[in-house]
Amino acid sequence: MFHKLDRTLRCHHCGLAQPVPRACPDCGNLDIAGIGRGTERLEEQIALLLPGARVARIDADSTRAKGALQARLGAVHAGEVDILVGTQMIAKGHDFRRITLVAAVNPDSALFSSDFRAPERLFALLMQAAGRAGRDAQHAARSEMWIQTWHPQHPLYAALLRHDFAAFAASQLAERRMAGLPPFAHLALLRAEARSAESARGFLQAAAELAADLAGSDAVSVYPPVPASIARVADAWRMQMLIESPSRAALQRMLAAWLPQLHALRSARRAADLRILRWAVDVDPLAI
């Protein structure tokens, strides 16, 4: 992510940072520009559009220093801030008494995520964010929430508009039943990290062969290894493999027999210098 203050590109997962190049390192093109709209850019644009407003930003970068978060929250509660820009961290658990308008900027990406739980999380987050407005009875009657979206007719937004959690939950359950997803199926995820993608994939492929032998006649499906959603963090390449069964008992039987073999497999591959860093089995994973 681009940080304008010190003109660096910084990874928010491993902390790696480097200066923004003056030209493309591959072709030498000088036409380099940032894209997207993060909290830093939103803060700048709001300050330009509303020069008289007192704008504050709360995110992981602006609150990195000791006491910074408490100082900014104190300024909000003291009425010294007119517009607060932030990430999800300001949508949960805060009691901002003077806020009358909450705006969610482009949350649509969660509607089309590879993680089937993303719409559920988005609905909960937007409900929480809406709850930041009008918490004081004096301002409740004129409180609003705005959502920037390219899909205003999406069922999630329709249910949110009506505060109809029951309808949203019913639609999600119907989709999951048709797709054979939890709670109508049971999942486990084997994750592996290695110094190379080939080593991680090789470990998972060997693990898949062991799992296929153990599954036997039980209804357990083992899917091929794929890169994790964030495939590389620092020097570690990350792969994962999904195991699925309509029967929790069948899944647990397979896992109980599989785990000792995975320990032995990792030891064997480390002895072969294939540099498997770590592996883990996540039952009922919250993120895929």
Foldseek 3Di string as FASTA:
>chain_A
DADPVQQWDADPFFGDIDHDDCADPPPRHRPDDDDDDDLVNVQVVVCVVCVVFAEEEDECVQQVDPPRVVVVLVCQQVVVGDYYTYDLVVLPDDARQPAQEAEAEEPCVLVDDPWLCSLVVVLVSVVSNQVNHLPHVVRNVRHDYHYDYPCCPDPSNVCSVVVNPVVVVVVSVVVCVVVVHPPQKWKKKKKWKFLDPVLRQVLVVVLVVLLVVLLPPAFKDKAHKDADPPQDHDRIGMIMIMMMHSDPVSVVSSCVVSVVVSVVSVVVVVVVVSGTPDMDMGIPDPGD
